[in-house]
Amino acid sequence: MQHRVLATAKHFAGDGLTTYGTGSGDFTIDQGIDEVSRADFDRLALAPYVPAVQQHKAGTVMPSYSSVDFTDDGLGNPVKMHAQQDLISNVLKGQIGFDGFVISDYNGIDQLPGDFADHVRTAVNAGIDMFMQPANFAQFEATLLDEVNAGRVSTARIDDAVSRILTKKFQLGLFERPFTPRQNMDQIGSAAHRAVARKAVAESQVLLRNDGDVLPLKKNAKVYVAGRNADDIGNQAGGWTVAWQGISGDGVIPGTTVLDGIRTVDPNVTFSEDGSAPTAGADVGVVVVGETPYSEGFGDVGGPSCNFCTPQQLEPKSLTLDPADTATVDKVCAAIAKCVVLVVSGRPQVFDTSAVDALVASWLPGSEGDGVADVLFGKKPFTGRLSQTWPASADQEPINVGDATYAPAFPYGWGLRTDSPRARLQAARASLGTGDAALRAARADITQALSARFWSGDRITDKASVVAALARAAGDLTRTTGDPFSAGDAVVSVVRDLQQAVAGAGRAPANAASLSAEADVQSVSGRPDQAVVTLVAAGALR
């Protein structure tokens, strides 16, 4: 049983498609209304559930708190997702073929119209099989029995729900081994677990800019650290950690802050949260800014009105960097010749980066600030790429690959690397083995790309010859019967390096951002051949 997991796909469907302000109270976003046509709803909200159910075999689906008001049905009556019989029973269970069980969200039926009996009857008949009613579960059970005895909920609907739930329990082995094994509890949070987390943090850091090769930092550099997210493990962890909406402050979560990690390498760093301490003698400034925790409800815009929130939770949230953070960046970057800014956040943050030499998307490193220090000082290379577009301004949102106008600060898939491109290709070649004819051809092509006459150390001196050989290798890798994704990704990454260098120097074509983003989509979709061609069109050979 300990090797089996039941996945939940949520929140069905469209809680990211709601119109801002159509929710209530603090829940202005995720509990709002989808005011879209049915065709757009199917394309944007329902489409991801097809592969989640059919290919990835999600065992449960959880409805959203949101409502749907299709703009093309002429009804004008928003219906909560927990009451959507057509979408849950007919579409999800019928058309899509979901054979698991549907579980309500936390007290999700309480937002339905009518009294509690109406809530229970409507939700069960809509197709919800299991209910999350922690405070009034006994009342729920009694009410459901009353509804069945009165004939308002059929026994066939109960039988369907029970069979779906029992099937998944049998598949999980819960009747043979109903309890979680306890013998390995002491391993949770162990050094081995922390090492995995630290590695994940290092690999997730995305180097957005690195003018003058400021990063990695030299170990003998005199480093000045500033910013409120440099020494706050709560801010590093974000929302939904040990408390709803997260907690800021030291000592709340065991682990290391970014500052702790830096001090492990250089114990003599100067730290000033707001950048007010003297900067004289510093070689480089590292400013760690970003967001304070938030999760659902008011989420990442506005601020809550709750009486129990901490000051950090009450802070208004915005895609634009907080003014206090901006002031710290401006102060430090104006005073120190070399300036590195780390953005610790769950999403891009927009601000003026003209005075910034190196910019890093550090995301939320959680308990492992050491992992951030690993890439800052070169113990591990920067290898991460953007999993979302980084906008140039807040009013560009929503911005996505394929938009007619796509001019972000950094496109989807962007990420400068500090590892050796030659070593990458050598490792890719070694990973291919002998394999089929296509793999053998790919090995030969990569060997051609690695020819010493095309390189000076780790620098490519004959881009045309290297890219031509890598294009052939990428084509071979798409024809093999093996599984060469890692090798293909490495091949594309070297061409991406060339394109990003051209873009960073301002020599890329006007549509380079759109093309490079499309190339990353092609690469992760298993088409390295297309990705190489697209990156060449984006300026890789300029």
Protein backbone atom coordinates (compact mmCIF):
# COMPACT_ATOMS: atom_id res chain seq x y z
CA MET A 1 0.00 0.00 0.00
CA GLN A 2 2.81 2.42 0.78
CA HIS A 3 3.77 2.31 -2.91
CA ARG A 4 0.30 3.33 -4.14
CA VAL A 5 -1.04 6.87 -4.41
CA LEU A 6 -4.50 8.07 -5.40
CA ALA A 7 -4.21 11.31 -7.38
CA THR A 8 -6.85 14.06 -7.19
CA ALA A 9 -7.46 16.39 -10.13
CA LYS A 10 -8.80 19.71 -8.98
CA HIS A 11 -10.55 22.05 -9.07
CA PHE A 12 -13.15 20.93 -11.58
CA ALA A 13 -13.54 23.06 -13.59
CA GLY A 14 -12.49 26.60 -14.40
CA ASP A 15 -11.58 28.16 -11.07
CA GLY A 16 -8.75 29.85 -12.96
CA LEU A 17 -11.20 31.21 -15.50
CA THR A 18 -13.37 33.27 -13.17
CA THR A 19 -14.06 36.96 -13.64
CA TYR A 20 -12.26 39.00 -10.99
CA GLY A 21 -14.61 40.50 -8.41
CA THR A 22 -17.47 38.06 -8.97
CA GLY A 23 -16.65 36.19 -5.75
CA SER A 24 -17.58 37.38 -2.29
CA GLY A 25 -15.63 38.77 0.67
CA ASP A 26 -11.96 37.80 0.59
CA PHE A 27 -12.67 35.17 -2.08
CA THR A 28 -12.70 37.52 -5.06
CA ILE A 29 -10.96 35.12 -7.45
CA ASP A 30 -11.28 31.38 -6.97
CA GLN A 31 -14.90 31.44 -5.83
CA GLY A 32 -16.10 33.71 -8.60
CA ILE A 33 -18.04 33.08 -11.80
CA ASP A 34 -16.83 31.78 -15.17
CA GLU A 35 -18.51 34.20 -17.56
CA VAL A 36 -17.52 32.55 -20.84
CA SER A 37 -19.05 30.76 -23.79
CA ARG A 38 -19.48 27.02 -23.54
CA ALA A 39 -16.94 26.54 -26.32
CA ASP A 40 -14.31 28.59 -24.47
CA PHE A 41 -15.10 26.79 -21.22
CA ASP A 42 -14.60 23.41 -22.89
CA ARG A 43 -11.33 24.57 -24.48
CA LEU A 44 -9.81 26.32 -21.47
CA ALA A 45 -11.33 24.68 -18.40
CA LEU A 46 -12.44 21.16 -19.32
CA ALA A 47 -9.68 20.18 -21.74
CA PRO A 48 -6.98 19.44 -19.09
CA TYR A 49 -9.23 16.91 -17.37
CA VAL A 50 -9.31 14.66 -20.43
CA PRO A 51 -5.64 13.58 -20.22
CA ALA A 52 -5.74 13.73 -16.41
CA VAL A 53 -8.49 11.10 -16.41
CA GLN A 54 -7.82 9.11 -19.56
CA GLN A 55 -4.02 9.03 -19.66
CA HIS A 56 -2.84 9.75 -16.13
CA LYS A 57 -5.67 7.88 -14.40
CA ALA A 58 -6.53 10.41 -11.69
CA GLY A 59 -8.56 8.47 -9.13
CA THR A 60 -10.56 11.37 -7.71
CA VAL A 61 -11.78 14.72 -8.97
CA MET A 62 -12.69 17.67 -6.72
CA PRO A 63 -15.20 20.30 -7.88
CA SER A 64 -14.38 23.97 -7.57
CA TYR A 65 -16.07 26.54 -5.36
CA SER A 66 -16.60 28.59 -8.51
CA SER A 67 -19.75 28.94 -10.61
CA VAL A 68 -20.43 28.82 -14.35
CA ASP A 69 -22.59 31.26 -16.28
CA PHE A 70 -22.33 30.41 -19.95
CA THR A 71 -22.63 33.61 -21.95
CA ASP A 72 -24.15 31.86 -24.95
CA ASP A 73 -26.99 29.94 -23.29
CA GLY A 74 -29.19 32.98 -22.63
CA LEU A 75 -30.06 31.83 -19.12
CA GLY A 76 -27.99 34.22 -17.04
CA ASN A 77 -28.12 31.98 -13.98
CA PRO A 78 -24.74 31.17 -12.44
CA VAL A 79 -24.63 27.62 -11.09
CA LYS A 80 -22.11 26.48 -8.48
CA MET A 81 -19.85 23.67 -9.67
CA HIS A 82 -20.95 21.50 -6.74
CA ALA A 83 -24.43 21.55 -8.29
CA GLN A 84 -23.41 21.04 -11.92
CA GLN A 85 -25.05 17.73 -12.80
CA ASP A 86 -24.39 18.16 -16.51
CA LEU A 87 -20.66 18.83 -16.06
CA ILE A 88 -20.06 16.26 -13.30
CA SER A 89 -22.30 13.35 -14.27
CA ASN A 90 -22.80 13.81 -18.00
CA VAL A 91 -19.47 15.28 -19.10
CA LEU A 92 -16.89 14.10 -16.55
CA LYS A 93 -18.29 10.66 -15.77
CA GLY A 94 -20.03 10.11 -19.08
CA GLN A 95 -18.25 11.75 -22.01
CA ILE A 96 -14.74 11.85 -20.53
CA GLY A 97 -15.15 8.42 -18.93
CA PHE A 98 -14.00 9.15 -15.37
CA ASP A 99 -14.40 5.96 -13.33
CA GLY A 100 -13.10 7.23 -9.98
CA PHE A 101 -15.04 9.16 -7.37
CA VAL A 102 -15.86 12.85 -7.08
CA ILE A 103 -15.10 14.42 -3.69
CA SER A 104 -16.45 17.78 -2.59
CA ASP A 105 -14.23 20.63 -1.52
CA TYR A 106 -14.10 21.71 2.14
CA ASN A 107 -17.72 22.51 3.10
CA GLY A 108 -18.24 23.08 -0.61
CA ILE A 109 -21.96 22.32 -0.58
CA ASP A 110 -22.64 25.01 2.01
CA GLN A 111 -22.57 27.63 -0.75
CA LEU A 112 -25.48 26.08 -2.63
CA PRO A 113 -28.92 27.76 -2.43
CA GLY A 114 -31.60 26.56 -0.04
CA ASP A 115 -31.39 24.79 3.30
CA PHE A 116 -29.02 21.99 4.27
CA ALA A 117 -31.29 19.28 2.88
CA ASP A 118 -31.28 21.14 -0.45
CA HIS A 119 -27.48 21.28 -0.33
CA VAL A 120 -27.13 17.54 0.26
CA ARG A 121 -29.75 16.45 -2.26
CA THR A 122 -28.50 18.79 -5.03
CA ALA A 123 -24.85 17.82 -4.65
CA VAL A 124 -25.44 14.06 -4.45
CA ASN A 125 -27.74 14.12 -7.47
CA ALA A 126 -25.20 16.25 -9.34
CA GLY A 127 -22.76 13.35 -9.05
CA ILE A 128 -20.60 14.04 -5.99
CA ASP A 129 -19.70 10.74 -4.34
CA MET A 130 -17.80 11.69 -1.19
CA PHE A 131 -18.26 14.76 0.99
CA MET A 132 -15.87 16.83 3.06
CA GLN A 133 -18.08 18.12 5.90
CA PRO A 134 -15.75 17.97 8.91
CA ALA A 135 -17.91 19.90 11.38
CA ASN A 136 -21.35 18.45 10.59
CA PHE A 137 -20.71 15.01 9.13
CA ALA A 138 -23.30 13.41 11.42
CA GLN A 139 -25.94 15.88 10.23
CA PHE A 140 -24.93 15.15 6.64
CA GLU A 141 -25.36 11.39 7.13
CA ALA A 142 -28.77 11.80 8.76
CA THR A 143 -29.93 14.24 6.11
CA LEU A 144 -28.83 11.99 3.26
CA LEU A 145 -30.70 9.03 4.77
CA ASP A 146 -33.82 11.19 5.01
CA GLU A 147 -33.46 12.22 1.36
CA VAL A 148 -33.07 8.60 0.24
CA ASN A 149 -36.05 7.44 2.34
CA ALA A 150 -38.15 10.25 0.87
CA GLY A 151 -37.20 9.18 -2.66
CA ARG A 152 -35.46 12.45 -3.50
CA VAL A 153 -32.11 10.67 -3.86
CA SER A 154 -32.22 7.28 -5.56
CA THR A 155 -30.59 4.15 -4.17
CA ALA A 156 -28.99 3.75 -7.62
CA ARG A 157 -27.13 7.03 -7.06
CA ILE A 158 -25.95 5.81 -3.64
CA ASP A 159 -24.89 2.45 -5.09
CA ASP A 160 -22.91 4.24 -7.81
CA ALA A 161 -21.11 6.45 -5.29
CA VAL A 162 -20.31 3.55 -2.95
CA SER A 163 -19.05 1.32 -5.77
CA ARG A 164 -16.75 4.06 -7.04
CA ILE A 165 -15.28 4.67 -3.58
CA LEU A 166 -14.88 0.98 -2.73
CA THR A 167 -13.24 0.25 -6.09
CA LYS A 168 -10.50 2.78 -5.40
CA LYS A 169 -10.03 1.50 -1.85
CA PHE A 170 -9.57 -2.03 -3.17
CA GLN A 171 -7.12 -0.82 -5.80
CA LEU A 172 -5.12 0.96 -3.09
CA GLY A 173 -5.06 -2.17 -0.95
CA LEU A 174 -6.74 -0.39 1.97
CA PHE A 175 -8.68 -3.49 3.01
CA GLU A 176 -5.50 -5.54 3.25
CA ARG A 177 -3.35 -2.82 4.84
CA PRO A 178 -5.62 -0.03 6.09
CA PHE A 179 -3.05 1.95 8.08
CA THR A 180 0.01 3.88 7.01
CA PRO A 181 3.21 2.07 8.03
CA ARG A 182 4.84 3.87 10.95
CA GLN A 183 8.26 2.27 10.99
CA ASN A 184 9.85 4.92 8.78
CA MET A 185 8.34 7.98 10.44
CA ASP A 186 11.70 9.00 11.88
CA GLN A 187 13.04 9.41 8.35
CA ILE A 188 10.74 12.33 7.61
CA GLY A 189 12.88 15.44 7.49
CA SER A 190 16.05 13.36 7.68
CA ALA A 191 19.36 14.45 6.20
CA ALA A 192 18.64 12.28 3.15
CA HIS A 193 15.26 13.95 2.61
CA ARG A 194 16.77 17.40 3.09
CA ALA A 195 19.46 16.56 0.53
CA VAL A 196 16.79 15.74 -2.05
CA ALA A 197 14.99 19.01 -1.29
CA ARG A 198 18.24 20.98 -1.51
CA LYS A 199 19.00 19.44 -4.90
CA ALA A 200 15.50 20.30 -6.13
CA VAL A 201 15.92 23.90 -4.99
CA ALA A 202 19.26 24.26 -6.79
CA GLU A 203 17.83 22.82 -10.00
CA SER A 204 14.74 25.07 -9.88
CA GLN A 205 16.68 28.36 -9.71
CA VAL A 206 16.30 30.22 -13.00
CA LEU A 207 19.04 32.63 -14.07
CA LEU A 208 17.24 35.33 -16.03
CA ARG A 209 20.14 37.74 -16.54
CA ASN A 210 23.85 37.51 -15.94
CA ASP A 211 25.56 40.58 -17.36
CA GLY A 212 29.33 40.42 -17.05
CA ASP A 213 29.12 36.86 -15.69
CA VAL A 214 28.54 38.15 -12.16
CA LEU A 215 27.28 34.69 -11.22
CA PRO A 216 28.51 32.40 -9.89
CA LEU A 217 29.98 34.53 -7.11
CA LYS A 218 33.64 34.21 -6.30
CA LYS A 219 34.17 32.62 -2.90
CA ASN A 220 36.56 35.39 -1.86
CA ALA A 221 34.20 38.20 -2.89
CA LYS A 222 33.05 40.65 -0.23
CA VAL A 223 29.29 40.14 -0.30
CA TYR A 224 26.65 42.54 1.01
CA VAL A 225 23.23 40.90 1.51
CA ALA A 226 19.97 42.84 1.80
CA GLY A 227 16.23 42.32 1.40
CA ARG A 228 13.43 41.13 3.65
CA ASN A 229 13.30 37.67 2.03
CA ALA A 230 16.97 36.97 2.69
CA ASP A 231 16.44 35.73 6.23
CA ASP A 232 12.76 34.74 6.47
CA ILE A 233 12.02 31.06 6.08
CA GLY A 234 8.27 31.69 6.23
CA ASN A 235 8.48 33.90 3.15
CA GLN A 236 10.60 31.22 1.47
CA ALA A 237 7.90 28.62 2.12
CA GLY A 238 4.87 30.63 0.99
CA GLY A 239 1.25 29.82 1.80
CA TRP A 240 -0.25 26.48 2.84
CA THR A 241 2.69 25.44 4.99
CA VAL A 242 2.13 25.25 8.75
CA ALA A 243 -0.77 27.69 8.60
CA TRP A 244 -3.45 28.91 6.23
CA GLN A 245 -1.98 31.78 4.19
CA GLY A 246 1.48 30.85 5.49
CA ILE A 247 3.60 32.27 8.29
CA SER A 248 6.49 34.69 8.17
CA GLY A 249 9.30 34.75 10.67
CA ASP A 250 12.32 32.80 11.81
CA GLY A 251 12.15 29.46 13.57
CA VAL A 252 8.68 28.53 12.32
CA ILE A 253 9.95 25.90 9.90
CA PRO A 254 13.17 23.95 10.45
CA GLY A 255 15.69 24.65 7.73
CA THR A 256 18.00 27.28 6.31
CA THR A 257 17.25 30.72 4.93
CA VAL A 258 19.01 32.12 1.87
CA LEU A 259 21.18 34.17 4.22
CA ASP A 260 22.06 31.03 6.20
CA GLY A 261 23.14 29.35 2.97
CA ILE A 262 25.29 32.29 1.94
CA ARG A 263 26.90 32.43 5.39
CA THR A 264 27.79 28.75 5.11
CA VAL A 265 30.04 29.72 2.22
CA ASP A 266 31.03 33.17 3.47
CA PRO A 267 30.53 33.72 7.23
CA ASN A 268 31.70 37.32 6.97
CA VAL A 269 28.94 38.71 4.77
CA THR A 270 27.31 41.98 5.77
CA PHE A 271 23.53 41.76 6.13
CA SER A 272 21.13 44.68 6.24
CA GLU A 273 17.47 43.92 5.62
CA ASP A 274 16.60 47.34 4.22
CA GLY A 275 20.03 48.12 2.79
CA SER A 276 20.70 50.91 5.30
CA ALA A 277 24.03 49.55 6.59
CA PRO A 278 27.20 50.99 5.01
CA THR A 279 28.15 49.33 1.72
CA ALA A 280 31.76 50.52 1.56
CA GLY A 281 34.18 47.78 0.57
CA ALA A 282 31.55 45.41 -0.83
CA ASP A 283 32.35 43.74 -4.17
CA VAL A 284 28.84 42.58 -4.88
CA GLY A 285 25.36 43.17 -3.48
CA VAL A 286 22.85 40.34 -3.23
CA VAL A 287 19.31 41.61 -2.69
CA VAL A 288 16.66 39.00 -1.83
CA VAL A 289 13.14 40.34 -2.35
CA GLY A 290 9.76 38.98 -3.45
CA GLU A 291 6.46 38.22 -1.82
CA THR A 292 4.98 37.40 1.56
CA PRO A 293 2.83 34.25 1.91
CA TYR A 294 -0.68 33.85 0.55
CA SER A 295 -2.83 31.03 -0.74
CA GLU A 296 -6.51 30.81 -1.61
CA GLY A 297 -9.18 33.46 -1.26
CA PHE A 298 -7.77 36.93 -1.72
CA GLY A 299 -4.75 35.13 -3.11
CA ASP A 300 -2.25 37.11 -5.11
CA VAL A 301 -4.19 40.37 -5.56
CA GLY A 302 -5.57 42.86 -3.06
CA GLY A 303 -5.51 41.91 0.58
CA PRO A 304 -7.72 40.20 3.16
CA SER A 305 -10.08 41.80 5.62
CA CYS A 306 -9.67 39.06 8.22
CA ASN A 307 -9.17 39.99 11.85
CA PHE A 308 -6.74 37.15 12.58
CA CYS A 309 -4.21 37.71 9.77
CA THR A 310 -0.60 38.66 10.45
CA PRO A 311 0.82 41.91 9.03
CA GLN A 312 2.51 39.89 6.30
CA GLN A 313 -0.79 38.28 5.37
CA LEU A 314 -2.55 41.64 5.37
CA GLU A 315 -0.01 43.11 2.98
CA PRO A 316 -1.65 43.88 -0.38
CA LYS A 317 -0.49 41.43 -3.03
CA SER A 318 0.42 42.46 -6.54
CA LEU A 319 2.26 41.27 -9.62
CA THR A 320 4.36 44.41 -9.17
CA LEU A 321 7.18 44.12 -6.66
CA ASP A 322 6.37 45.62 -3.26
CA PRO A 323 7.49 49.29 -3.02
CA ALA A 324 9.68 48.59 0.04
CA ASP A 325 11.46 45.84 -1.89
CA THR A 326 11.92 48.13 -4.88
CA ALA A 327 13.47 50.77 -2.62
CA THR A 328 15.95 48.23 -1.24
CA VAL A 329 16.94 47.09 -4.74
CA ASP A 330 17.43 50.69 -5.89
CA LYS A 331 19.48 51.60 -2.82
CA VAL A 332 21.86 48.65 -2.95
CA CYS A 333 22.27 48.51 -6.72
CA ALA A 334 23.08 52.24 -6.80
CA ALA A 335 25.77 51.85 -4.12
CA ILE A 336 27.56 48.67 -5.23
CA ALA A 337 29.07 48.16 -8.67
CA LYS A 338 27.85 44.57 -9.08
CA CYS A 339 24.28 43.83 -8.07
CA VAL A 340 22.45 40.48 -7.94
CA VAL A 341 18.70 40.32 -7.23
CA LEU A 342 16.94 37.12 -6.17
CA VAL A 343 13.15 37.10 -6.45
CA VAL A 344 11.70 34.72 -3.85
CA SER A 345 8.08 34.31 -4.91
CA GLY A 346 5.52 31.94 -6.33
CA ARG A 347 5.14 33.90 -9.58
CA PRO A 348 6.96 36.57 -11.60
CA GLN A 349 7.39 39.99 -10.02
CA VAL A 350 7.57 43.09 -12.19
CA PHE A 351 9.98 45.94 -11.41
CA ASP A 352 12.66 48.11 -13.00
CA THR A 353 15.71 45.88 -13.43
CA SER A 354 17.84 48.32 -15.42
CA ALA A 355 20.42 48.61 -12.61
CA VAL A 356 20.49 44.85 -11.95
CA ASP A 357 23.47 42.85 -13.28
CA ALA A 358 22.17 39.38 -12.44
CA LEU A 359 18.53 38.45 -11.89
CA VAL A 360 17.38 35.10 -10.47
CA ALA A 361 13.90 33.65 -10.15
CA SER A 362 14.34 31.77 -6.88
CA TRP A 363 10.67 30.79 -6.61
CA LEU A 364 9.88 29.44 -3.12
CA PRO A 365 12.86 27.41 -1.86
CA GLY A 366 11.05 26.35 1.31
CA SER A 367 13.34 25.02 4.00
CA GLU A 368 16.44 24.79 1.80
CA GLY A 369 18.15 28.16 1.48
CA ASP A 370 21.37 26.18 1.14
CA GLY A 371 20.19 25.09 -2.31
CA VAL A 372 20.05 28.72 -3.41
CA ALA A 373 23.58 29.31 -2.14
CA ASP A 374 24.76 26.23 -4.05
CA VAL A 375 24.07 27.91 -7.41
CA LEU A 376 25.03 31.41 -6.28
CA PHE A 377 28.56 30.27 -5.50
CA GLY A 378 28.85 27.69 -8.28
CA LYS A 379 28.74 24.50 -6.25
CA LYS A 380 25.89 23.55 -8.60
CA PRO A 381 25.27 25.13 -12.02
CA PHE A 382 22.20 27.11 -13.00
CA THR A 383 20.13 24.82 -15.23
CA GLY A 384 16.52 25.87 -14.55
CA ARG A 385 14.13 27.25 -17.15
CA LEU A 386 10.96 29.32 -16.80
CA SER A 387 7.82 27.22 -16.56
CA GLN A 388 5.77 30.34 -17.26
CA THR A 389 6.20 33.59 -19.13
CA TRP A 390 7.77 36.45 -17.15
CA PRO A 391 5.87 39.59 -18.22
CA ALA A 392 7.49 42.96 -18.84
CA SER A 393 4.58 44.75 -17.16
CA ALA A 394 1.54 43.79 -15.13
CA ASP A 395 -0.87 44.94 -17.83
CA GLN A 396 0.53 42.28 -20.20
CA GLU A 397 -1.29 39.61 -18.21
CA PRO A 398 -2.68 37.24 -19.26
CA ILE A 399 0.30 36.44 -21.47
CA ASN A 400 0.90 33.03 -23.04
CA VAL A 401 2.92 31.36 -25.76
CA GLY A 402 1.09 31.81 -29.05
CA ASP A 403 -0.37 35.23 -28.30
CA ALA A 404 -0.57 37.49 -31.34
CA THR A 405 1.54 40.02 -29.44
CA TYR A 406 4.15 38.32 -27.29
CA ALA A 407 6.84 40.63 -25.92
CA PRO A 408 7.62 39.56 -22.34
CA ALA A 409 10.63 40.43 -20.25
CA PHE A 410 11.62 36.76 -20.46
CA PRO A 411 9.78 34.15 -22.55
CA TYR A 412 8.54 30.75 -21.47
CA GLY A 413 11.48 28.35 -21.31
CA TRP A 414 14.10 31.05 -20.77
CA GLY A 415 16.98 30.21 -18.46
CA LEU A 416 20.68 30.97 -18.71
CA ARG A 417 23.02 28.13 -17.79
CA THR A 418 26.38 28.11 -16.05
CA ASP A 419 27.36 24.52 -16.77
CA SER A 420 29.62 23.42 -19.60
CA PRO A 421 27.86 22.94 -22.95
CA ARG A 422 30.60 20.53 -24.05
CA ALA A 423 30.12 18.43 -20.93
CA ARG A 424 26.37 18.43 -21.55
CA LEU A 425 26.84 17.05 -25.04
CA GLN A 426 29.41 14.51 -23.88
CA ALA A 427 27.00 13.24 -21.23
CA ALA A 428 24.17 13.12 -23.77
CA ARG A 429 26.31 11.08 -26.16
CA ALA A 430 27.27 8.67 -23.39
CA SER A 431 23.64 8.20 -22.38
CA LEU A 432 22.58 6.96 -25.81
CA GLY A 433 24.44 3.65 -25.78
CA THR A 434 24.44 1.66 -29.02
CA GLY A 435 20.69 1.28 -29.51
CA ASP A 436 19.05 1.29 -32.93
CA ALA A 437 20.36 2.88 -36.12
CA ALA A 438 18.85 6.27 -35.27
CA LEU A 439 20.59 6.35 -31.89
CA ARG A 440 23.88 5.36 -33.43
CA ALA A 441 23.47 8.16 -35.98
CA ALA A 442 22.69 10.63 -33.18
CA ARG A 443 25.86 9.58 -31.37
CA ALA A 444 27.89 10.19 -34.52
CA ASP A 445 26.29 13.59 -35.06
CA ILE A 446 26.96 14.69 -31.48
CA THR A 447 30.55 13.50 -31.88
CA GLN A 448 30.77 15.69 -34.98
CA ALA A 449 29.38 18.66 -33.01
CA LEU A 450 32.05 18.09 -30.36
CA SER A 451 34.90 18.24 -32.88
CA ALA A 452 37.76 20.20 -31.33
CA ARG A 453 38.07 22.47 -34.36
CA PHE A 454 34.63 23.95 -33.58
CA TRP A 455 35.47 24.87 -29.99
CA SER A 456 37.84 26.91 -27.88
CA GLY A 457 37.50 25.48 -24.40
CA ASP A 458 33.78 25.71 -23.60
CA ARG A 459 33.16 28.40 -26.21
CA ILE A 460 31.78 27.52 -29.63
CA THR A 461 33.88 29.14 -32.36
CA ASP A 462 32.01 27.69 -35.36
CA LYS A 463 28.33 28.02 -34.52
CA ALA A 464 27.12 27.03 -37.98
CA SER A 465 28.94 23.70 -37.97
CA VAL A 466 27.94 22.81 -34.39
CA VAL A 467 24.29 23.71 -34.92
CA ALA A 468 24.16 21.79 -38.20
CA ALA A 469 25.47 18.66 -36.48
CA LEU A 470 23.09 19.11 -33.55
CA ALA A 471 20.16 19.59 -35.94
CA ARG A 472 21.00 16.23 -37.52
CA ALA A 473 21.29 14.65 -34.06
CA ALA A 474 17.92 16.08 -33.05
CA GLY A 475 16.35 14.63 -36.18
CA ASP A 476 17.86 11.22 -35.42
CA LEU A 477 16.53 11.35 -31.86
CA THR A 478 12.97 11.87 -33.08
CA ARG A 479 13.19 8.70 -35.18
CA THR A 480 14.60 6.33 -32.61
CA THR A 481 12.53 3.65 -30.93
CA GLY A 482 14.35 4.38 -27.67
CA ASP A 483 13.60 7.02 -25.06
CA PRO A 484 16.15 9.78 -25.72
CA PHE A 485 14.35 12.72 -24.08
CA SER A 486 17.29 13.74 -21.88
CA ALA A 487 19.72 13.59 -24.78
CA GLY A 488 17.37 15.60 -26.96
CA ASP A 489 16.93 18.18 -24.21
CA ALA A 490 20.72 18.52 -23.91
CA VAL A 491 21.10 18.96 -27.68
CA VAL A 492 18.43 21.66 -27.74
CA SER A 493 19.90 23.33 -24.66
CA VAL A 494 23.18 24.11 -26.43
CA VAL A 495 21.34 25.75 -29.33
CA ARG A 496 19.17 27.57 -26.79
CA ASP A 497 22.35 28.91 -25.15
CA LEU A 498 23.37 30.45 -28.45
CA GLN A 499 19.95 31.99 -29.05
CA GLN A 500 19.74 33.43 -25.55
CA ALA A 501 23.18 34.98 -25.89
CA VAL A 502 22.07 36.68 -29.09
CA ALA A 503 18.85 37.86 -27.44
CA GLY A 504 20.75 39.16 -24.40
CA ALA A 505 23.02 41.15 -26.71
CA GLY A 506 19.99 42.73 -28.40
CA ARG A 507 20.72 41.13 -31.80
CA ALA A 508 17.75 38.74 -32.04
CA PRO A 509 14.89 39.24 -34.53
CA ALA A 510 11.76 41.05 -33.39
CA ASN A 511 9.78 37.82 -32.97
CA ALA A 512 12.56 36.01 -31.08
CA ALA A 513 10.65 35.79 -27.77
CA SER A 514 7.70 34.09 -29.41
CA LEU A 515 9.94 31.72 -31.36
CA SER A 516 12.13 30.75 -28.40
CA ALA A 517 9.04 30.07 -26.29
CA GLU A 518 7.60 27.91 -29.06
CA ALA A 519 10.91 26.05 -29.28
CA ASP A 520 10.69 25.14 -25.61
CA VAL A 521 7.17 23.81 -26.11
CA GLN A 522 8.47 21.69 -28.98
CA SER A 523 11.40 20.45 -26.91
CA VAL A 524 9.35 19.34 -23.91
CA SER A 525 6.86 17.75 -26.34
CA GLY A 526 9.58 15.43 -27.60
CA ARG A 527 10.36 17.22 -30.89
CA PRO A 528 13.96 18.39 -30.53
CA ASP A 529 14.29 18.58 -34.33
CA GLN A 530 11.58 21.23 -34.54
CA ALA A 531 13.00 23.05 -31.51
CA VAL A 532 16.44 23.43 -33.14
CA VAL A 533 14.92 24.78 -36.35
CA THR A 534 12.81 27.26 -34.39
CA LEU A 535 15.77 28.44 -32.29
CA VAL A 536 17.76 29.07 -35.47
CA ALA A 537 14.87 31.18 -36.73
CA ALA A 538 14.97 33.00 -33.37
CA GLY A 539 18.55 34.07 -34.05
CA ALA A 540 20.78 31.31 -32.69
CA LEU A 541 23.24 31.71 -35.59
CA ARG A 542 23.40 35.51 -35.62
